[in-house]
């Protein structure tokens, strides 16, 4: 295999690649990524999660794998599999830190080099879906990922927002980024869209509602639906 194929050869075994994005931090992008992975697993799919949020790697903790460490084989880094059935594999810088409280204080070139290594060297063993959880914004890390994936025809991106205007304003910039980078947008998810009382089932729109739907309509992007706050509480408990 020559050319760009040598650089990210393991990705050729991945059937579908989806990048999870949001211009805003704190909107629940990582929890949405985990929920997508668990939903795909329930549908009988084999899933990988690549966590490239280098400064805030939260995926390992969410899936109860924060104390595990990756090891290398002759094929590359072997993902962590939190379940016995090995249907969901994880790779994150969180597995490479000796102390989970350690801050990653790196400049752009070093971050980009690690991201390229994570894309190059992780051995995804014939998975159906690879979900890439990204940091907020439209920074060097995002450009590195999009450029590295270009030869592998990713399915596209899913954008996560909360209903407030301060969040949708930043997601507008993410839409612009995706269009400039020629990364297809599969749809928008509105997270934290109300709190459903577990007793009376009444929904209270703590953070307002409808921002994600309005944004999707404005830009002609599919709206994938809303997620209320209660499901996040259940997910984090598990």
C-alpha atoms as a PDB file:
ATOM      1  CA  UNK A   1       0.000   0.000   0.000  1.00  0.00           C
ATOM      2  CA  UNK A   2       1.481   3.359  -0.941  1.00  0.00           C
ATOM      3  CA  UNK A   3       0.758   7.058  -0.675  1.00  0.00           C
ATOM      4  CA  UNK A   4      -1.771   8.180   1.886  1.00  0.00           C
ATOM      5  CA  UNK A   5      -2.882   4.590   2.421  1.00  0.00           C
ATOM      6  CA  UNK A   6       0.319   3.866   4.348  1.00  0.00           C
ATOM      7  CA  UNK A   7      -0.370   6.685   6.773  1.00  0.00           C
ATOM      8  CA  UNK A   8      -3.754   5.576   8.058  1.00  0.00           C
ATOM      9  CA  UNK A   9      -4.031   2.019   6.823  1.00  0.00           C
ATOM     10  CA  UNK A  10      -6.044   0.815   9.845  1.00  0.00           C
ATOM     11  CA  UNK A  11      -8.918   3.110   8.879  1.00  0.00           C
ATOM     12  CA  UNK A  12      -9.450   1.066   5.735  1.00  0.00           C
ATOM     13  CA  UNK A  13     -11.004  -1.582   7.971  1.00  0.00           C
ATOM     14  CA  UNK A  14     -13.621   0.870   9.245  1.00  0.00           C
ATOM     15  CA  UNK A  15     -16.922   0.855   7.358  1.00  0.00           C
ATOM     16  CA  UNK A  16     -18.315   4.196   8.590  1.00  0.00           C
ATOM     17  CA  UNK A  17     -16.574   7.221  10.132  1.00  0.00           C
ATOM     18  CA  UNK A  18     -18.564   9.942  11.924  1.00  0.00           C
ATOM     19  CA  UNK A  19     -17.036  13.052  13.511  1.00  0.00           C
ATOM     20  CA  UNK A  20     -18.939  14.536  16.469  1.00  0.00           C
ATOM     21  CA  UNK A  21     -18.503  18.319  16.605  1.00  0.00           C
ATOM     22  CA  UNK A  22     -19.698  21.416  18.405  1.00  0.00           C
ATOM     23  CA  UNK A  23     -18.434  24.962  18.389  1.00  0.00           C
ATOM     24  CA  UNK A  24     -19.374  25.258  22.062  1.00  0.00           C
ATOM     25  CA  UNK A  25     -17.869  23.518  25.076  1.00  0.00           C
ATOM     26  CA  UNK A  26     -20.093  21.957  27.720  1.00  0.00           C
ATOM     27  CA  UNK A  27     -22.969  20.996  25.422  1.00  0.00           C
ATOM     28  CA  UNK A  28     -22.604  17.269  26.107  1.00  0.00           C
ATOM     29  CA  UNK A  29     -20.729  16.272  22.979  1.00  0.00           C
ATOM     30  CA  UNK A  30     -18.944  13.390  24.688  1.00  0.00           C
ATOM     31  CA  UNK A  31     -22.128  12.077  26.301  1.00  0.00           C
ATOM     32  CA  UNK A  32     -23.871  12.197  22.922  1.00  0.00           C
ATOM     33  CA  UNK A  33     -20.930  10.286  21.415  1.00  0.00           C
ATOM     34  CA  UNK A  34     -21.250   7.605  24.086  1.00  0.00           C
ATOM     35  CA  UNK A  35     -25.014   7.375  23.606  1.00  0.00           C
ATOM     36  CA  UNK A  36     -24.563   7.014  19.844  1.00  0.00           C
ATOM     37  CA  UNK A  37     -22.055   4.217  20.435  1.00  0.00           C
ATOM     38  CA  UNK A  38     -24.359   2.367  22.845  1.00  0.00           C
ATOM     39  CA  UNK A  39     -27.297   2.767  20.456  1.00  0.00           C
ATOM     40  CA  UNK A  40     -25.274   1.345  17.578  1.00  0.00           C
ATOM     41  CA  UNK A  41     -24.109  -1.520  19.796  1.00  0.00           C
ATOM     42  CA  UNK A  42     -27.739  -2.282  20.666  1.00  0.00           C
ATOM     43  CA  UNK A  43     -28.399  -2.481  16.923  1.00  0.00           C
ATOM     44  CA  UNK A  44     -25.746  -5.191  16.629  1.00  0.00           C
ATOM     45  CA  UNK A  45     -22.932  -3.007  15.327  1.00  0.00           C
ATOM     46  CA  UNK A  46     -19.273  -3.060  16.351  1.00  0.00           C
ATOM     47  CA  UNK A  47     -18.197   0.457  17.343  1.00  0.00           C
ATOM     48  CA  UNK A  48     -14.993   2.353  18.071  1.00  0.00           C
ATOM     49  CA  UNK A  49     -14.713   5.682  19.874  1.00  0.00           C
ATOM     50  CA  UNK A  50     -11.642   7.821  19.258  1.00  0.00           C
ATOM     51  CA  UNK A  51     -11.438  10.609  21.846  1.00  0.00           C
ATOM     52  CA  UNK A  52      -9.226  13.406  20.511  1.00  0.00           C
ATOM     53  CA  UNK A  53     -10.280  15.981  23.092  1.00  0.00           C
ATOM     54  CA  UNK A  54      -6.705  16.109  24.358  1.00  0.00           C
ATOM     55  CA  UNK A  55      -7.290  18.658  27.118  1.00  0.00           C
ATOM     56  CA  UNK A  56     -10.496  17.102  28.452  1.00  0.00           C
ATOM     57  CA  UNK A  57     -10.602  13.365  27.705  1.00  0.00           C
ATOM     58  CA  UNK A  58     -13.809  12.233  29.420  1.00  0.00           C
ATOM     59  CA  UNK A  59     -14.829   9.178  27.379  1.00  0.00           C
ATOM     60  CA  UNK A  60     -12.787   6.645  29.455  1.00  0.00           C
ATOM     61  CA  UNK A  61     -14.460   7.715  32.691  1.00  0.00           C
ATOM     62  CA  UNK A  62     -17.938   7.716  31.156  1.00  0.00           C
ATOM     63  CA  UNK A  63     -17.533   4.079  30.165  1.00  0.00           C
ATOM     64  CA  UNK A  64     -15.863   2.983  33.400  1.00  0.00           C
ATOM     65  CA  UNK A  65     -12.465   2.437  31.837  1.00  0.00           C
ATOM     66  CA  UNK A  66     -10.506   5.315  33.334  1.00  0.00           C
ATOM     67  CA  UNK A  67      -8.045   3.084  35.196  1.00  0.00           C
ATOM     68  CA  UNK A  68      -7.047   1.001  32.177  1.00  0.00           C
ATOM     69  CA  UNK A  69      -3.982   1.400  29.962  1.00  0.00           C
ATOM     70  CA  UNK A  70      -3.502   0.625  26.298  1.00  0.00           C
ATOM     71  CA  UNK A  71      -0.752  -1.616  25.025  1.00  0.00           C
ATOM     72  CA  UNK A  72       0.860  -2.057  21.650  1.00  0.00           C
ATOM     73  CA  UNK A  73       0.774  -5.125  19.471  1.00  0.00           C
ATOM     74  CA  UNK A  74       2.475  -5.827  16.176  1.00  0.00           C
ATOM     75  CA  UNK A  75      -0.548  -4.208  14.494  1.00  0.00           C
ATOM     76  CA  UNK A  76      -0.453  -1.010  16.587  1.00  0.00           C
ATOM     77  CA  UNK A  77      -2.203   0.321  19.672  1.00  0.00           C
ATOM     78  CA  UNK A  78      -4.951  -2.018  20.833  1.00  0.00           C
ATOM     79  CA  UNK A  79      -8.150  -0.203  21.899  1.00  0.00           C
ATOM     80  CA  UNK A  80      -9.633  -0.652  25.355  1.00  0.00           C
ATOM     81  CA  UNK A  81     -12.817  -2.755  25.407  1.00  0.00           C
ATOM     82  CA  UNK A  82     -14.895  -2.024  28.533  1.00  0.00           C
ATOM     83  CA  UNK A  83     -17.424  -4.790  27.852  1.00  0.00           C
ATOM     84  CA  UNK A  84     -16.870  -8.537  27.712  1.00  0.00           C
ATOM     85  CA  UNK A  85     -18.372  -8.747  24.235  1.00  0.00           C
ATOM     86  CA  UNK A  86     -15.782  -6.285  22.849  1.00  0.00           C
ATOM     87  CA  UNK A  87     -18.479  -4.523  20.847  1.00  0.00           C
ATOM     88  CA  UNK A  88     -17.272  -1.019  21.804  1.00  0.00           C
ATOM     89  CA  UNK A  89     -13.583  -0.124  21.636  1.00  0.00           C
ATOM     90  CA  UNK A  90     -12.041   3.063  23.040  1.00  0.00           C
ATOM     91  CA  UNK A  91      -8.901   5.044  22.402  1.00  0.00           C
ATOM     92  CA  UNK A  92      -8.086   8.274  24.250  1.00  0.00           C
ATOM     93  CA  UNK A  93      -5.128  10.249  25.504  1.00  0.00           C
ATOM     94  CA  UNK A  94      -6.687   9.593  28.909  1.00  0.00           C
ATOM     95  CA  UNK A  95      -5.260   6.066  28.705  1.00  0.00           C
ATOM     96  CA  UNK A  96      -1.757   7.441  28.132  1.00  0.00           C
ATOM     97  CA  UNK A  97      -1.585   9.785  31.123  1.00  0.00           C
ATOM     98  CA  UNK A  98       0.121   8.508  34.265  1.00  0.00           C
ATOM     99  CA  UNK A  99      -2.068  10.800  36.390  1.00  0.00           C
ATOM    100  CA  UNK A 100      -5.709  11.495  35.431  1.00  0.00           C
ATOM    101  CA  UNK A 101      -5.383  14.992  36.952  1.00  0.00           C
ATOM    102  CA  UNK A 102      -2.394  15.807  34.780  1.00  0.00           C
ATOM    103  CA  UNK A 103      -2.933  18.767  32.439  1.00  0.00           C
ATOM    104  CA  UNK A 104      -1.941  18.439  28.787  1.00  0.00           C
ATOM    105  CA  UNK A 105      -0.029  21.675  28.250  1.00  0.00           C
ATOM    106  CA  UNK A 106       1.079  21.362  24.646  1.00  0.00           C
ATOM    107  CA  UNK A 107       1.365  23.699  21.717  1.00  0.00           C
ATOM    108  CA  UNK A 108      -0.444  23.025  18.450  1.00  0.00           C
ATOM    109  CA  UNK A 109       2.250  21.034  16.589  1.00  0.00           C
ATOM    110  CA  UNK A 110       2.618  18.497  19.406  1.00  0.00           C
ATOM    111  CA  UNK A 111      -1.167  18.087  19.688  1.00  0.00           C
ATOM    112  CA  UNK A 112      -1.477  17.572  15.963  1.00  0.00           C
ATOM    113  CA  UNK A 113       1.323  15.010  15.971  1.00  0.00           C
ATOM    114  CA  UNK A 114      -0.467  12.948  18.632  1.00  0.00           C
ATOM    115  CA  UNK A 115      -3.786  13.157  16.770  1.00  0.00           C
ATOM    116  CA  UNK A 116      -2.101  11.876  13.619  1.00  0.00           C
ATOM    117  CA  UNK A 117      -0.538   9.066  15.630  1.00  0.00           C
ATOM    118  CA  UNK A 118      -3.910   8.120  17.110  1.00  0.00           C
ATOM    119  CA  UNK A 119      -5.389   8.008  13.628  1.00  0.00           C
ATOM    120  CA  UNK A 120      -2.401   6.100  12.218  1.00  0.00           C
ATOM    121  CA  UNK A 121      -1.599   3.571  14.889  1.00  0.00           C
ATOM    122  CA  UNK A 122      -4.814   2.361  16.552  1.00  0.00           C
ATOM    123  CA  UNK A 123      -5.779  -1.103  15.370  1.00  0.00           C
ATOM    124  CA  UNK A 124      -9.535  -1.003  14.777  1.00  0.00           C
ATOM    125  CA  UNK A 125     -10.364  -4.615  14.052  1.00  0.00           C
ATOM    126  CA  UNK A 126     -13.059  -4.517  11.338  1.00  0.00           C
ATOM    127  CA  UNK A 127     -15.457  -2.211  13.174  1.00  0.00           C
ATOM    128  CA  UNK A 128     -18.675  -0.967  11.630  1.00  0.00           C
ATOM    129  CA  UNK A 129     -18.570   2.593  13.005  1.00  0.00           C
ATOM    130  CA  UNK A 130     -15.798   4.844  14.256  1.00  0.00           C
ATOM    131  CA  UNK A 131     -17.071   7.842  16.242  1.00  0.00           C
ATOM    132  CA  UNK A 132     -14.504  10.627  16.680  1.00  0.00           C
ATOM    133  CA  UNK A 133     -15.164  12.830  19.698  1.00  0.00           C
ATOM    134  CA  UNK A 134     -13.537  16.229  19.175  1.00  0.00           C
ATOM    135  CA  UNK A 135     -12.772  19.255  21.360  1.00  0.00           C
ATOM    136  CA  UNK A 136     -14.975  22.339  21.016  1.00  0.00           C
ATOM    137  CA  UNK A 137     -14.197  24.986  18.428  1.00  0.00           C
ATOM    138  CA  UNK A 138     -12.633  25.004  14.987  1.00  0.00           C
ATOM    139  CA  UNK A 139      -8.947  24.715  15.843  1.00  0.00           C
ATOM    140  CA  UNK A 140      -5.855  22.983  14.500  1.00  0.00           C
ATOM    141  CA  UNK A 141      -7.053  19.657  15.902  1.00  0.00           C
ATOM    142  CA  UNK A 142     -10.176  19.735  13.743  1.00  0.00           C
ATOM    143  CA  UNK A 143      -8.250  20.663  10.617  1.00  0.00           C
ATOM    144  CA  UNK A 144      -5.798  17.832  11.279  1.00  0.00           C
ATOM    145  CA  UNK A 145      -8.606  15.282  11.618  1.00  0.00           C
ATOM    146  CA  UNK A 146     -10.500  16.422   8.522  1.00  0.00           C
ATOM    147  CA  UNK A 147      -7.372  16.473   6.361  1.00  0.00           C
ATOM    148  CA  UNK A 148      -6.256  13.057   7.607  1.00  0.00           C
ATOM    149  CA  UNK A 149      -9.663  11.520   6.926  1.00  0.00           C
ATOM    150  CA  UNK A 150     -10.116  12.987   3.471  1.00  0.00           C
ATOM    151  CA  UNK A 151      -8.867   9.880   1.640  1.00  0.00           C
ATOM    152  CA  UNK A 152     -11.209   7.663   3.650  1.00  0.00           C
ATOM    153  CA  UNK A 153     -14.504   9.315   2.713  1.00  0.00           C
ATOM    154  CA  UNK A 154     -15.978   9.833   6.198  1.00  0.00           C
ATOM    155  CA  UNK A 155     -19.755   9.671   6.324  1.00  0.00           C
ATOM    156  CA  UNK A 156     -19.770  13.166   7.808  1.00  0.00           C
ATOM    157  CA  UNK A 157     -20.299  15.031  11.046  1.00  0.00           C
ATOM    158  CA  UNK A 158     -22.981  15.266  13.702  1.00  0.00           C
ATOM    159  CA  UNK A 159     -23.238  18.679  15.368  1.00  0.00           C
ATOM    160  CA  UNK A 160     -24.309  18.943  19.003  1.00  0.00           C
ATOM    161  CA  UNK A 161     -25.862  22.072  20.497  1.00  0.00           C
ATOM    162  CA  UNK A 162     -27.943  23.093  23.463  1.00  0.00           C
ATOM    163  CA  UNK A 163     -31.023  25.256  22.885  1.00  0.00           C
ATOM    164  CA  UNK A 164     -29.607  28.613  24.014  1.00  0.00           C
ATOM    165  CA  UNK A 165     -28.614  31.306  21.532  1.00  0.00           C
ATOM    166  CA  UNK A 166     -25.092  31.452  22.988  1.00  0.00           C
ATOM    167  CA  UNK A 167     -24.618  27.813  21.941  1.00  0.00           C
ATOM    168  CA  UNK A 168     -26.275  27.946  18.530  1.00  0.00           C
ATOM    169  CA  UNK A 169     -24.186  31.011  17.660  1.00  0.00           C
ATOM    170  CA  UNK A 170     -21.011  28.951  18.078  1.00  0.00           C
ATOM    171  CA  UNK A 171     -22.464  25.982  16.204  1.00  0.00           C
ATOM    172  CA  UNK A 172     -23.086  28.338  13.272  1.00  0.00           C
ATOM    173  CA  UNK A 173     -19.311  28.698  13.046  1.00  0.00           C
ATOM    174  CA  UNK A 174     -18.960  24.913  13.112  1.00  0.00           C
ATOM    175  CA  UNK A 175     -21.361  24.680  10.175  1.00  0.00           C
ATOM    176  CA  UNK A 176     -19.196  27.165   8.290  1.00  0.00           C
ATOM    177  CA  UNK A 177     -16.099  25.125   9.157  1.00  0.00           C
ATOM    178  CA  UNK A 178     -17.648  21.891   7.878  1.00  0.00           C
ATOM    179  CA  UNK A 179     -18.677  23.517   4.623  1.00  0.00           C
ATOM    180  CA  UNK A 180     -15.261  25.079   4.060  1.00  0.00           C
ATOM    181  CA  UNK A 181     -13.600  21.750   4.861  1.00  0.00           C
ATOM    182  CA  UNK A 182     -16.028  19.833   2.598  1.00  0.00           C
ATOM    183  CA  UNK A 183     -17.097  17.640   5.528  1.00  0.00           C
ATOM    184  CA  UNK A 184     -20.739  16.565   5.081  1.00  0.00           C
ATOM    185  CA  UNK A 185     -23.115  17.396   7.933  1.00  0.00           C
ATOM    186  CA  UNK A 186     -25.369  14.460   8.784  1.00  0.00           C
ATOM    187  CA  UNK A 187     -27.514  16.470  11.170  1.00  0.00           C
ATOM    188  CA  UNK A 188     -27.886  18.475  14.360  1.00  0.00           C
ATOM    189  CA  UNK A 189     -28.803  17.126  17.800  1.00  0.00           C
ATOM    190  CA  UNK A 190     -30.260  19.462  20.432  1.00  0.00           C
ATOM    191  CA  UNK A 191     -28.994  18.263  23.798  1.00  0.00           C
ATOM    192  CA  UNK A 192     -30.270  19.258  27.269  1.00  0.00           C
ATOM    193  CA  UNK A 193     -33.596  20.130  25.682  1.00  0.00           C
ATOM    194  CA  UNK A 194     -35.702  20.297  28.805  1.00  0.00           C
ATOM    195  CA  UNK A 195     -35.818  18.289  32.003  1.00  0.00           C
ATOM    196  CA  UNK A 196     -38.452  15.579  32.266  1.00  0.00           C
ATOM    197  CA  UNK A 197     -39.536  14.994  35.858  1.00  0.00           C
ATOM    198  CA  UNK A 198     -39.151  11.268  36.653  1.00  0.00           C
ATOM    199  CA  UNK A 199     -42.280  11.410  38.866  1.00  0.00           C
ATOM    200  CA  UNK A 200     -44.874  13.387  36.927  1.00  0.00           C
ATOM    201  CA  UNK A 201     -43.166  13.315  33.485  1.00  0.00           C
ATOM    202  CA  UNK A 202     -43.697  17.048  33.045  1.00  0.00           C
ATOM    203  CA  UNK A 203     -41.025  18.674  30.858  1.00  0.00           C
ATOM    204  CA  UNK A 204     -39.474  21.940  32.030  1.00  0.00           C
ATOM    205  CA  UNK A 205     -37.373  23.814  29.462  1.00  0.00           C
ATOM    206  CA  UNK A 206     -34.573  24.900  31.774  1.00  0.00           C
ATOM    207  CA  UNK A 207     -32.371  26.091  28.907  1.00  0.00           C
ATOM    208  CA  UNK A 208     -35.253  27.098  26.580  1.00  0.00           C
ATOM    209  CA  UNK A 209     -35.959  24.887  23.561  1.00  0.00           C
ATOM    210  CA  UNK A 210     -36.041  24.856  19.791  1.00  0.00           C
ATOM    211  CA  UNK A 211     -32.610  26.377  19.153  1.00  0.00           C
ATOM    212  CA  UNK A 212     -31.243  23.301  17.426  1.00  0.00           C
ATOM    213  CA  UNK A 213     -34.343  22.842  15.261  1.00  0.00           C
ATOM    214  CA  UNK A 214     -34.287  26.505  14.264  1.00  0.00           C
ATOM    215  CA  UNK A 215     -30.606  26.276  13.351  1.00  0.00           C
ATOM    216  CA  UNK A 216     -31.174  23.157  11.266  1.00  0.00           C
ATOM    217  CA  UNK A 217     -34.076  24.789   9.417  1.00  0.00           C
ATOM    218  CA  UNK A 218     -32.067  27.950   8.798  1.00  0.00           C
ATOM    219  CA  UNK A 219     -29.185  26.097   7.148  1.00  0.00           C
ATOM    220  CA  UNK A 220     -31.172  23.301   5.522  1.00  0.00           C
ATOM    221  CA  UNK A 221     -29.534  20.597   7.661  1.00  0.00           C
ATOM    222  CA  UNK A 222     -31.363  17.476   8.927  1.00  0.00           C
ATOM    223  CA  UNK A 223     -32.546  17.790  12.524  1.00  0.00           C
ATOM    224  CA  UNK A 224     -31.876  14.503  14.284  1.00  0.00           C
ATOM    225  CA  UNK A 225     -33.901  15.228  17.412  1.00  0.00           C
ATOM    226  CA  UNK A 226     -33.691  16.393  21.024  1.00  0.00           C
ATOM    227  CA  UNK A 227     -32.270  14.810  24.172  1.00  0.00           C
ATOM    228  CA  UNK A 228     -33.521  15.863  27.593  1.00  0.00           C
ATOM    229  CA  UNK A 229     -31.398  16.242  30.720  1.00  0.00           C
ATOM    230  CA  UNK A 230     -32.715  13.113  32.439  1.00  0.00           C
ATOM    231  CA  UNK A 231     -31.130  10.615  30.038  1.00  0.00           C
ATOM    232  CA  UNK A 232     -27.727  12.222  30.723  1.00  0.00           C
ATOM    233  CA  UNK A 233     -28.202  11.627  34.472  1.00  0.00           C
ATOM    234  CA  UNK A 234     -29.005   7.947  33.842  1.00  0.00           C
ATOM    235  CA  UNK A 235     -26.007   7.567  31.503  1.00  0.00           C
ATOM    236  CA  UNK A 236     -23.561   9.097  33.985  1.00  0.00           C
ATOM    237  CA  UNK A 237     -24.917   6.916  36.804  1.00  0.00           C
ATOM    238  CA  UNK A 238     -24.196   3.806  34.767  1.00  0.00           C
END
